[in-house]
PDB file of N, CA and C in Angstrom:
ATOM      1  N   MET A   1     114.178 107.564  61.165  1.00  0.00           N
ATOM      2  CA  MET A   1     115.121 107.207  62.212  1.00  0.00           C
ATOM      3  C   MET A   1     114.496 106.129  63.089  1.00  0.00           C
ATOM      4  N   ASP A   2     115.263 105.117  63.361  1.00  0.00           N
ATOM      5  CA  ASP A   2     114.802 103.993  64.163  1.00  0.00           C
ATOM      6  C   ASP A   2     114.806 104.379  65.642  1.00  0.00           C
ATOM      7  N   PRO A   3     113.649 104.326  66.349  1.00  0.00           N
ATOM      8  CA  PRO A   3     113.627 104.711  67.762  1.00  0.00           C
ATOM      9  C   PRO A   3     114.443 103.791  68.647  1.00  0.00           C
ATOM     10  N   ILE A   4     114.670 102.563  68.219  1.00  0.00           N
ATOM     11  CA  ILE A   4     115.462 101.627  69.016  1.00  0.00           C
ATOM     12  C   ILE A   4     116.905 102.104  69.131  1.00  0.00           C
ATOM     13  N   GLN A   5     117.393 102.824  68.144  1.00  0.00           N
ATOM     14  CA  GLN A   5     118.763 103.316  68.180  1.00  0.00           C
ATOM     15  C   GLN A   5     118.948 104.388  69.246  1.00  0.00           C
ATOM     16  N   ASN A   6     117.886 105.046  69.695  1.00  0.00           N
ATOM     17  CA  ASN A   6     117.980 106.103  70.694  1.00  0.00           C
ATOM     18  C   ASN A   6     118.037 105.567  72.121  1.00  0.00           C
ATOM     19  N   ILE A   7     117.805 104.299  72.324  1.00  0.00           N
ATOM     20  CA  ILE A   7     117.752 103.733  73.669  1.00  0.00           C
ATOM     21  C   ILE A   7     119.065 103.936  74.436  1.00  0.00           C
ATOM     22  N   PRO A   8     120.247 103.716  73.855  1.00  0.00           N
ATOM     23  CA  PRO A   8     121.472 103.922  74.636  1.00  0.00           C
ATOM     24  C   PRO A   8     121.664 105.362  75.090  1.00  0.00           C
ATOM     25  N   GLN A   9     120.992 106.336  74.474  1.00  0.00           N
ATOM     26  CA  GLN A   9     121.138 107.728  74.851  1.00  0.00           C
ATOM     27  C   GLN A   9     120.374 108.066  76.122  1.00  0.00           C
ATOM     28  N   LEU A  10     119.435 107.218  76.535  1.00  0.00           N
ATOM     29  CA  LEU A  10     118.677 107.467  77.744  1.00  0.00           C
ATOM     30  C   LEU A  10     119.576 107.255  78.957  1.00  0.00           C
ATOM     31  N   THR A  11     119.336 108.047  79.998  1.00  0.00           N
ATOM     32  CA  THR A  11     120.143 107.898  81.200  1.00  0.00           C
ATOM     33  C   THR A  11     119.657 106.685  81.985  1.00  0.00           C
ATOM     34  N   PRO A  12     120.574 105.827  82.408  1.00  0.00           N
ATOM     35  CA  PRO A  12     120.162 104.630  83.143  1.00  0.00           C
ATOM     36  C   PRO A  12     119.730 104.986  84.558  1.00  0.00           C
ATOM     37  N   LEU A  13     118.881 104.147  85.131  1.00  0.00           N
ATOM     38  CA  LEU A  13     118.456 104.327  86.508  1.00  0.00           C
ATOM     39  C   LEU A  13     119.562 103.884  87.438  1.00  0.00           C
ATOM     40  N   ASN A  14     119.674 104.547  88.571  1.00  0.00           N
ATOM     41  CA  ASN A  14     120.661 104.160  89.569  1.00  0.00           C
ATOM     42  C   ASN A  14     120.137 102.952  90.332  1.00  0.00           C
ATOM     43  N   PRO A  15     120.967 101.927  90.527  1.00  0.00           N
ATOM     44  CA  PRO A  15     120.498 100.755  91.270  1.00  0.00           C
ATOM     45  C   PRO A  15     120.347 101.079  92.745  1.00  0.00           C
ATOM     46  N   VAL A  16     119.436 100.382  93.386  1.00  0.00           N
ATOM     47  CA  VAL A  16     119.249 100.534  94.819  1.00  0.00           C
ATOM     48  C   VAL A  16     120.419  99.846  95.494  1.00  0.00           C
ATOM     49  N   SER A  17     121.174 100.587  96.296  1.00  0.00           N
ATOM     50  CA  SER A  17     122.403 100.036  96.845  1.00  0.00           C
ATOM     51  C   SER A  17     122.300  99.624  98.301  1.00  0.00           C
ATOM     52  N   GLY A  18     121.170  99.803  98.933  1.00  0.00           N
ATOM     53  CA  GLY A  18     121.050  99.394 100.321  1.00  0.00           C
ATOM     54  C   GLY A  18     119.650  99.644 100.830  1.00  0.00           C
ATOM     55  N   THR A  19     119.407  99.162 102.005  1.00  0.00           N
ATOM     56  CA  THR A  19     118.117  99.402 102.629  1.00  0.00           C
ATOM     57  C   THR A  19     118.341 100.193 103.899  1.00  0.00           C
ATOM     58  N   ALA A  20     117.298 100.830 104.379  1.00  0.00           N
ATOM     59  CA  ALA A  20     117.424 101.628 105.594  1.00  0.00           C
ATOM     60  C   ALA A  20     117.601 100.722 106.806  1.00  0.00           C
ATOM     61  N   LYS A  21     118.303 101.200 107.813  1.00  0.00           N
ATOM     62  CA  LYS A  21     118.516 100.421 109.035  1.00  0.00           C
ATOM     63  C   LYS A  21     117.210 100.218 109.781  1.00  0.00           C
ATOM     64  N   SER A  22     116.373 101.216 109.768  1.00  0.00           N
ATOM     65  CA  SER A  22     115.091 101.129 110.457  1.00  0.00           C
ATOM     66  C   SER A  22     113.999 101.443 109.467  1.00  0.00           C
ATOM     67  N   GLY A  23     112.967 100.646 109.458  1.00  0.00           N
ATOM     68  CA  GLY A  23     111.867 100.881 108.535  1.00  0.00           C
ATOM     69  C   GLY A  23     111.133 102.171 108.812  1.00  0.00           C
ATOM     70  N   LEU A  24     111.215 102.668 110.056  1.00  0.00           N
ATOM     71  CA  LEU A  24     110.524 103.898 110.410  1.00  0.00           C
ATOM     72  C   LEU A  24     111.339 105.130 110.098  1.00  0.00           C
ATOM     73  N   ASP A  25     112.639 105.002 109.994  1.00  0.00           N
ATOM     74  CA  ASP A  25     113.520 106.139 109.768  1.00  0.00           C
ATOM     75  C   ASP A  25     113.933 106.171 108.304  1.00  0.00           C
ATOM     76  N   SER A  26     113.171 106.877 107.469  1.00  0.00           N
ATOM     77  CA  SER A  26     113.470 106.897 106.039  1.00  0.00           C
ATOM     78  C   SER A  26     114.612 107.839 105.707  1.00  0.00           C
ATOM     79  N   GLY A  27     115.036 108.690 106.626  1.00  0.00           N
ATOM     80  CA  GLY A  27     116.118 109.618 106.364  1.00  0.00           C
ATOM     81  C   GLY A  27     117.475 109.057 106.718  1.00  0.00           C
ATOM     82  N   ALA A  28     117.536 107.910 107.349  1.00  0.00           N
ATOM     83  CA  ALA A  28     118.807 107.318 107.763  1.00  0.00           C
ATOM     84  C   ALA A  28     119.529 106.719 106.571  1.00  0.00           C
ATOM     85  N   ALA A  29     120.837 106.643 106.680  1.00  0.00           N
ATOM     86  CA  ALA A  29     121.627 106.027 105.612  1.00  0.00           C
ATOM     87  C   ALA A  29     121.379 104.530 105.620  1.00  0.00           C
ATOM     88  N   GLY A  30     121.562 103.906 104.477  1.00  0.00           N
ATOM     89  CA  GLY A  30     121.330 102.471 104.353  1.00  0.00           C
ATOM     90  C   GLY A  30     122.358 101.678 105.131  1.00  0.00           C
ATOM     91  N   ALA A  31     122.054 100.421 105.357  1.00  0.00           N
ATOM     92  CA  ALA A  31     122.937  99.547 106.126  1.00  0.00           C
ATOM     93  C   ALA A  31     124.277  99.366 105.413  1.00  0.00           C
ATOM     94  N   GLU A  32     124.293  99.473 104.121  1.00  0.00           N
ATOM     95  CA  GLU A  32     125.526  99.297 103.355  1.00  0.00           C
ATOM     96  C   GLU A  32     126.047 100.629 102.833  1.00  0.00           C
ATOM     97  N   GLY A  33     125.607 101.724 103.408  1.00  0.00           N
ATOM     98  CA  GLY A  33     126.082 103.031 102.983  1.00  0.00           C
ATOM     99  C   GLY A  33     125.310 103.604 101.813  1.00  0.00           C
ATOM    100  N   GLY A  34     124.229 102.959 101.383  1.00  0.00           N
ATOM    101  CA  GLY A  34     123.434 103.454 100.265  1.00  0.00           C
ATOM    102  C   GLY A  34     122.394 104.457 100.725  1.00  0.00           C
ATOM    103  N   LEU A  35     121.590 104.899  99.790  1.00  0.00           N
ATOM    104  CA  LEU A  35     120.535 105.849 100.103  1.00  0.00           C
ATOM    105  C   LEU A  35     119.361 105.154 100.771  1.00  0.00           C
ATOM    106  N   ALA A  36     118.694 105.863 101.652  1.00  0.00           N
ATOM    107  CA  ALA A  36     117.489 105.350 102.278  1.00  0.00           C
ATOM    108  C   ALA A  36     116.332 105.478 101.298  1.00  0.00           C
ATOM    109  N   PHE A  37     115.251 104.784 101.584  1.00  0.00           N
ATOM    110  CA  PHE A  37     114.102 104.773 100.685  1.00  0.00           C
ATOM    111  C   PHE A  37     113.528 106.179 100.493  1.00  0.00           C
ATOM    112  N   GLY A  38     113.428 106.933 101.564  1.00  0.00           N
ATOM    113  CA  GLY A  38     112.915 108.300 101.475  1.00  0.00           C
ATOM    114  C   GLY A  38     113.789 109.177 100.589  1.00  0.00           C
ATOM    115  N   ASP A  39     115.098 108.992 100.706  1.00  0.00           N
ATOM    116  CA  ASP A  39     116.019 109.766  99.872  1.00  0.00           C
ATOM    117  C   ASP A  39     115.899 109.376  98.404  1.00  0.00           C
ATOM    118  N   LEU A  40     115.675 108.084  98.143  1.00  0.00           N
ATOM    119  CA  LEU A  40     115.479 107.635  96.761  1.00  0.00           C
ATOM    120  C   LEU A  40     114.226 108.261  96.163  1.00  0.00           C
ATOM    121  N   LEU A  41     113.164 108.343  96.964  1.00  0.00           N
ATOM    122  CA  LEU A  41     111.935 108.973  96.478  1.00  0.00           C
ATOM    123  C   LEU A  41     112.140 110.458  96.191  1.00  0.00           C
ATOM    124  N   LYS A  42     112.847 111.131  97.085  1.00  0.00           N
ATOM    125  CA  LYS A  42     113.125 112.558  96.866  1.00  0.00           C
ATOM    126  C   LYS A  42     113.936 112.758  95.596  1.00  0.00           C
ATOM    127  N   GLN A  43     114.931 111.909  95.398  1.00  0.00           N
ATOM    128  CA  GLN A  43     115.771 112.009  94.201  1.00  0.00           C
ATOM    129  C   GLN A  43     114.947 111.776  92.937  1.00  0.00           C
ATOM    130  N   ALA A  44     114.065 110.787  92.987  1.00  0.00           N
ATOM    131  CA  ALA A  44     113.225 110.496  91.822  1.00  0.00           C
ATOM    132  C   ALA A  44     112.287 111.657  91.527  1.00  0.00           C
ATOM    133  N   LEU A  45     111.707 112.253  92.555  1.00  0.00           N
ATOM    134  CA  LEU A  45     110.823 113.405  92.353  1.00  0.00           C
ATOM    135  C   LEU A  45     111.582 114.596  91.781  1.00  0.00           C
ATOM    136  N   GLN A  46     112.813 114.806  92.240  1.00  0.00           N
ATOM    137  CA  GLN A  46     113.626 115.886  91.699  1.00  0.00           C
ATOM    138  C   GLN A  46     113.945 115.651  90.225  1.00  0.00           C
ATOM    139  N   GLU A  47     114.214 114.394  89.857  1.00  0.00           N
ATOM    140  CA  GLU A  47     114.500 114.082  88.461  1.00  0.00           C
ATOM    141  C   GLU A  47     113.268 114.306  87.583  1.00  0.00           C
ATOM    142  N   VAL A  48     112.091 113.924  88.086  1.00  0.00           N
ATOM    143  CA  VAL A  48     110.853 114.150  87.335  1.00  0.00           C
ATOM    144  C   VAL A  48     110.619 115.650  87.167  1.00  0.00           C
ATOM    145  N   ASN A  49     110.866 116.410  88.221  1.00  0.00           N
ATOM    146  CA  ASN A  49     110.702 117.854  88.153  1.00  0.00           C
ATOM    147  C   ASN A  49     111.679 118.483  87.158  1.00  0.00           C
ATOM    148  N   GLN A  50     112.909 117.989  87.161  1.00  0.00           N
ATOM    149  CA  GLN A  50     113.929 118.494  86.249  1.00  0.00           C
ATOM    150  C   GLN A  50     113.558 118.202  84.785  1.00  0.00           C
ATOM    151  N   VAL A  51     113.090 116.993  84.516  1.00  0.00           N
ATOM    152  CA  VAL A  51     112.694 116.618  83.153  1.00  0.00           C
ATOM    153  C   VAL A  51     111.501 117.464  82.711  1.00  0.00           C
ATOM    154  N   SER A  52     110.575 117.711  83.629  1.00  0.00           N
ATOM    155  CA  SER A  52     109.409 118.523  83.310  1.00  0.00           C
ATOM    156  C   SER A  52     109.813 119.969  82.991  1.00  0.00           C
ATOM    157  N   ALA A  53     110.734 120.516  83.783  1.00  0.00           N
ATOM    158  CA  ALA A  53     111.209 121.876  83.534  1.00  0.00           C
ATOM    159  C   ALA A  53     111.943 121.965  82.199  1.00  0.00           C
ATOM    160  N   GLN A  54     112.708 120.927  81.869  1.00  0.00           N
ATOM    161  CA  GLN A  54     113.414 120.916  80.587  1.00  0.00           C
ATOM    162  C   GLN A  54     112.422 120.872  79.428  1.00  0.00           C
ATOM    163  N   ALA A  55     111.374 120.064  79.564  1.00  0.00           N
ATOM    164  CA  ALA A  55     110.358 119.990  78.512  1.00  0.00           C
ATOM    165  C   ALA A  55     109.637 121.323  78.360  1.00  0.00           C
ATOM    166  N   GLU A  56     109.361 121.966  79.478  1.00  0.00           N
ATOM    167  CA  GLU A  56     108.706 123.274  79.427  1.00  0.00           C
ATOM    168  C   GLU A  56     109.600 124.295  78.720  1.00  0.00           C
ATOM    169  N   GLY A  57     110.891 124.246  79.006  1.00  0.00           N
ATOM    170  CA  GLY A  57     111.827 125.149  78.345  1.00  0.00           C
ATOM    171  C   GLY A  57     111.928 124.889  76.853  1.00  0.00           C
ATOM    172  N   GLU A  58     111.963 123.616  76.469  1.00  0.00           N
ATOM    173  CA  GLU A  58     112.013 123.280  75.041  1.00  0.00           C
ATOM    174  C   GLU A  58     110.747 123.755  74.322  1.00  0.00           C
ATOM    175  N   ALA A  59     109.591 123.554  74.953  1.00  0.00           N
ATOM    176  CA  ALA A  59     108.339 123.991  74.344  1.00  0.00           C
ATOM    177  C   ALA A  59     108.293 125.515  74.239  1.00  0.00           C
ATOM    178  N   ARG A  60     108.771 126.188  75.277  1.00  0.00           N
ATOM    179  CA  ARG A  60     108.801 127.656  75.249  1.00  0.00           C
ATOM    180  C   ARG A  60     109.716 128.150  74.131  1.00  0.00           C
ATOM    181  N   ASN A  61     110.892 127.511  73.990  1.00  0.00           N
ATOM    182  CA  ASN A  61     111.816 127.900  72.925  1.00  0.00           C
ATOM    183  C   ASN A  61     111.200 127.683  71.545  1.00  0.00           C
ATOM    184  N   LEU A  62     110.441 126.626  71.391  1.00  0.00           N
ATOM    185  CA  LEU A  62     109.787 126.349  70.117  1.00  0.00           C
ATOM    186  C   LEU A  62     108.708 127.390  69.821  1.00  0.00           C
ATOM    187  N   MET A  63     107.928 127.754  70.848  1.00  0.00           N
ATOM    188  CA  MET A  63     106.844 128.718  70.646  1.00  0.00           C
ATOM    189  C   MET A  63     107.356 130.130  70.406  1.00  0.00           C
ATOM    190  N   THR A  64     108.459 130.503  71.029  1.00  0.00           N
ATOM    191  CA  THR A  64     108.992 131.856  70.846  1.00  0.00           C
ATOM    192  C   THR A  64     109.867 131.979  69.610  1.00  0.00           C
ATOM    193  N   GLY A  65     110.179 130.868  68.973  1.00  0.00           N
ATOM    194  CA  GLY A  65     110.980 130.915  67.754  1.00  0.00           C
ATOM    195  C   GLY A  65     112.473 130.832  68.004  1.00  0.00           C
ATOM    196  N   GLU A  66     112.893 130.667  69.255  1.00  0.00           N
ATOM    197  CA  GLU A  66     114.316 130.544  69.555  1.00  0.00           C
ATOM    198  C   GLU A  66     114.881 129.240  69.010  1.00  0.00           C
ATOM    199  N   SER A  67     114.019 128.236  68.877  1.00  0.00           N
ATOM    200  CA  SER A  67     114.422 126.945  68.349  1.00  0.00           C
ATOM    201  C   SER A  67     113.393 126.514  67.309  1.00  0.00           C
ATOM    202  N   ALA A  68     113.873 125.946  66.217  1.00  0.00           N
ATOM    203  CA  ALA A  68     112.968 125.467  65.176  1.00  0.00           C
ATOM    204  C   ALA A  68     112.924 123.944  65.159  1.00  0.00           C
ATOM    205  N   ASP A  69     113.548 123.317  66.141  1.00  0.00           N
ATOM    206  CA  ASP A  69     113.632 121.860  66.190  1.00  0.00           C
ATOM    207  C   ASP A  69     112.450 121.283  66.958  1.00  0.00           C
ATOM    208  N   MET A  70     111.382 120.981  66.236  1.00  0.00           N
ATOM    209  CA  MET A  70     110.177 120.447  66.862  1.00  0.00           C
ATOM    210  C   MET A  70     110.419 119.036  67.378  1.00  0.00           C
ATOM    211  N   HIS A  71     111.288 118.301  66.727  1.00  0.00           N
ATOM    212  CA  HIS A  71     111.577 116.917  67.125  1.00  0.00           C
ATOM    213  C   HIS A  71     112.116 116.865  68.561  1.00  0.00           C
ATOM    214  N   THR A  72     113.075 117.727  68.866  1.00  0.00           N
ATOM    215  CA  THR A  72     113.660 117.761  70.206  1.00  0.00           C
ATOM    216  C   THR A  72     112.622 118.166  71.245  1.00  0.00           C
ATOM    217  N   ALA A  73     111.800 119.136  70.905  1.00  0.00           N
ATOM    218  CA  ALA A  73     110.764 119.586  71.839  1.00  0.00           C
ATOM    219  C   ALA A  73     109.748 118.486  72.104  1.00  0.00           C
ATOM    220  N   MET A  74     109.331 117.777  71.075  1.00  0.00           N
ATOM    221  CA  MET A  74     108.357 116.710  71.263  1.00  0.00           C
ATOM    222  C   MET A  74     108.954 115.553  72.071  1.00  0.00           C
ATOM    223  N   LEU A  75     110.216 115.226  71.829  1.00  0.00           N
ATOM    224  CA  LEU A  75     110.876 114.184  72.615  1.00  0.00           C
ATOM    225  C   LEU A  75     110.957 114.574  74.086  1.00  0.00           C
ATOM    226  N   ALA A  76     111.266 115.843  74.357  1.00  0.00           N
ATOM    227  CA  ALA A  76     111.357 116.303  75.743  1.00  0.00           C
ATOM    228  C   ALA A  76     109.992 116.239  76.423  1.00  0.00           C
ATOM    229  N   VAL A  77     108.943 116.612  75.708  1.00  0.00           N
ATOM    230  CA  VAL A  77     107.589 116.565  76.274  1.00  0.00           C
ATOM    231  C   VAL A  77     107.165 115.121  76.522  1.00  0.00           C
ATOM    232  N   GLN A  78     107.456 114.232  75.593  1.00  0.00           N
ATOM    233  CA  GLN A  78     107.096 112.828  75.774  1.00  0.00           C
ATOM    234  C   GLN A  78     107.889 112.196  76.926  1.00  0.00           C
ATOM    235  N   LYS A  79     109.150 112.563  77.057  1.00  0.00           N
ATOM    236  CA  LYS A  79     109.967 112.047  78.151  1.00  0.00           C
ATOM    237  C   LYS A  79     109.410 112.536  79.495  1.00  0.00           C
ATOM    238  N   ALA A  80     108.994 113.802  79.556  1.00  0.00           N
ATOM    239  CA  ALA A  80     108.406 114.344  80.782  1.00  0.00           C
ATOM    240  C   ALA A  80     107.091 113.646  81.098  1.00  0.00           C
ATOM    241  N   ASP A  81     106.290 113.388  80.076  1.00  0.00           N
ATOM    242  CA  ASP A  81     105.011 112.709  80.281  1.00  0.00           C
ATOM    243  C   ASP A  81     105.235 111.290  80.794  1.00  0.00           C
ATOM    244  N   LEU A  82     106.181 110.587  80.211  1.00  0.00           N
ATOM    245  CA  LEU A  82     106.481 109.223  80.643  1.00  0.00           C
ATOM    246  C   LEU A  82     107.023 109.200  82.072  1.00  0.00           C
ATOM    247  N   SER A  83     107.874 110.161  82.401  1.00  0.00           N
ATOM    248  CA  SER A  83     108.403 110.255  83.763  1.00  0.00           C
ATOM    249  C   SER A  83     107.286 110.505  84.764  1.00  0.00           C
ATOM    250  N   PHE A  84     106.351 111.376  84.405  1.00  0.00           N
ATOM    251  CA  PHE A  84     105.231 111.678  85.298  1.00  0.00           C
ATOM    252  C   PHE A  84     104.332 110.455  85.472  1.00  0.00           C
ATOM    253  N   GLN A  85     104.064 109.745  84.386  1.00  0.00           N
ATOM    254  CA  GLN A  85     103.238 108.544  84.485  1.00  0.00           C
ATOM    255  C   GLN A  85     103.909 107.487  85.363  1.00  0.00           C
ATOM    256  N   MET A  86     105.218 107.355  85.240  1.00  0.00           N
ATOM    257  CA  MET A  86     105.951 106.398  86.074  1.00  0.00           C
ATOM    258  C   MET A  86     105.869 106.805  87.538  1.00  0.00           C
ATOM    259  N   MET A  87     106.024 108.103  87.809  1.00  0.00           N
ATOM    260  CA  MET A  87     105.930 108.583  89.179  1.00  0.00           C
ATOM    261  C   MET A  87     104.547 108.305  89.761  1.00  0.00           C
ATOM    262  N   MET A  88     103.514 108.498  88.976  1.00  0.00           N
ATOM    263  CA  MET A  88     102.152 108.249  89.448  1.00  0.00           C
ATOM    264  C   MET A  88     101.915 106.755  89.689  1.00  0.00           C
ATOM    265  N   ALA A  89     102.517 105.907  88.881  1.00  0.00           N
ATOM    266  CA  ALA A  89     102.382 104.465  89.083  1.00  0.00           C
ATOM    267  C   ALA A  89     103.072 104.036  90.375  1.00  0.00           C
ATOM    268  N   VAL A  90     104.243 104.592  90.635  1.00  0.00           N
ATOM    269  CA  VAL A  90     104.954 104.284  91.874  1.00  0.00           C
ATOM    270  C   VAL A  90     104.158 104.786  93.062  1.00  0.00           C
ATOM    271  N   ARG A  91     103.581 105.979  92.945  1.00  0.00           N
ATOM    272  CA  ARG A  91     102.756 106.540  94.011  1.00  0.00           C
ATOM    273  C   ARG A  91     101.571 105.629  94.310  1.00  0.00           C
ATOM    274  N   SER A  92     100.923 105.142  93.283  1.00  0.00           N
ATOM    275  CA  SER A  92      99.772 104.262  93.475  1.00  0.00           C
ATOM    276  C   SER A  92     100.182 102.965  94.171  1.00  0.00           C
ATOM    277  N   LYS A  93     101.324 102.412  93.771  1.00  0.00           N
ATOM    278  CA  LYS A  93     101.805 101.184  94.415  1.00  0.00           C
ATOM    279  C   LYS A  93     102.161 101.434  95.880  1.00  0.00           C
ATOM    280  N   LEU A  94     102.746 102.590  96.175  1.00  0.00           N
ATOM    281  CA  LEU A  94     103.073 102.911  97.560  1.00  0.00           C
ATOM    282  C   LEU A  94     101.812 103.056  98.411  1.00  0.00           C
ATOM    283  N   ILE A  95     100.797 103.681  97.871  1.00  0.00           N
ATOM    284  CA  ILE A  95      99.544 103.832  98.597  1.00  0.00           C
ATOM    285  C   ILE A  95      98.900 102.474  98.829  1.00  0.00           C
ATOM    286  N   ASP A  96      98.921 101.623  97.817  1.00  0.00           N
ATOM    287  CA  ASP A  96      98.376 100.268  97.977  1.00  0.00           C
ATOM    288  C   ASP A  96      99.134  99.494  99.050  1.00  0.00           C
ATOM    289  N   ALA A  97     100.460  99.612  99.057  1.00  0.00           N
ATOM    290  CA  ALA A  97     101.264  98.912 100.059  1.00  0.00           C
ATOM    291  C   ALA A  97     100.970  99.455 101.455  1.00  0.00           C
ATOM    292  N   TYR A  98     100.823 100.764 101.577  1.00  0.00           N
ATOM    293  CA  TYR A  98     100.506 101.366 102.871  1.00  0.00           C
ATOM    294  C   TYR A  98      99.153 100.873 103.378  1.00  0.00           C
ATOM    295  N   ARG A  99      98.167 100.834 102.499  1.00  0.00           N
ATOM    296  CA  ARG A  99      96.841 100.342 102.895  1.00  0.00           C
ATOM    297  C   ARG A  99      96.899  98.878 103.312  1.00  0.00           C
ATOM    298  N   GLU A 100      97.702  98.094 102.616  1.00  0.00           N
ATOM    299  CA  GLU A 100      97.833  96.677 102.973  1.00  0.00           C
ATOM    300  C   GLU A 100      98.473  96.515 104.338  1.00  0.00           C
ATOM    301  N   VAL A 101      99.487  97.309 104.631  1.00  0.00           N
ATOM    302  CA  VAL A 101     100.136  97.246 105.943  1.00  0.00           C
ATOM    303  C   VAL A 101      99.165  97.692 107.030  1.00  0.00           C
ATOM    304  N   MET A 102      98.365  98.697 106.752  1.00  0.00           N
ATOM    305  CA  MET A 102      97.397  99.178 107.752  1.00  0.00           C
ATOM    306  C   MET A 102      96.299  98.153 108.026  1.00  0.00           C
ATOM    307  N   ARG A 103      95.997  97.291 107.066  1.00  0.00           N
ATOM    308  CA  ARG A 103      94.985  96.266 107.257  1.00  0.00           C
ATOM    309  C   ARG A 103      95.493  95.070 108.056  1.00  0.00           C
ATOM    310  N   MET A 104      96.803  94.951 108.188  1.00  0.00           N
ATOM    311  CA  MET A 104      97.369  93.821 108.920  1.00  0.00           C
ATOM    312  C   MET A 104      97.001  93.912 110.403  1.00  0.00           C
ATOM    313  N   GLN A 105      96.738  92.771 110.962  1.00  0.00           N
ATOM    314  CA  GLN A 105      96.441  92.729 112.388  1.00  0.00           C
ATOM    315  C   GLN A 105      97.722  92.471 113.145  1.00  0.00           C
ATOM    316  N   MET A 106      97.889  93.187 114.209  1.00  0.00           N
ATOM    317  CA  MET A 106      99.101  93.045 115.022  1.00  0.00           C
ATOM    318  C   MET A 106      98.936  91.966 116.052  1.00  0.00           C
TER     319      MET A 106
END
């Protein structure tokens, strides 16, 4: 099976629809009615957690014999791993940006 054919089955990312009114208030709604940056981060973390829980369930089903489909379980585990790696990359970039802002002289 060609892995390129599976790409349309992946869920697309939601576009960022606005920015927060105040840079200090991450819980406020965006200027255009979109999600604030803090809310986007919370949503992304929830999605990573959900994918991880799904992978854990698939692996558990495979180990207990409820499911014999190893392909689905391995795909779920790889998707969870990729989601976690992406989350860690975003975290690292956020920390770098925070350190850069803290180094700025006022």
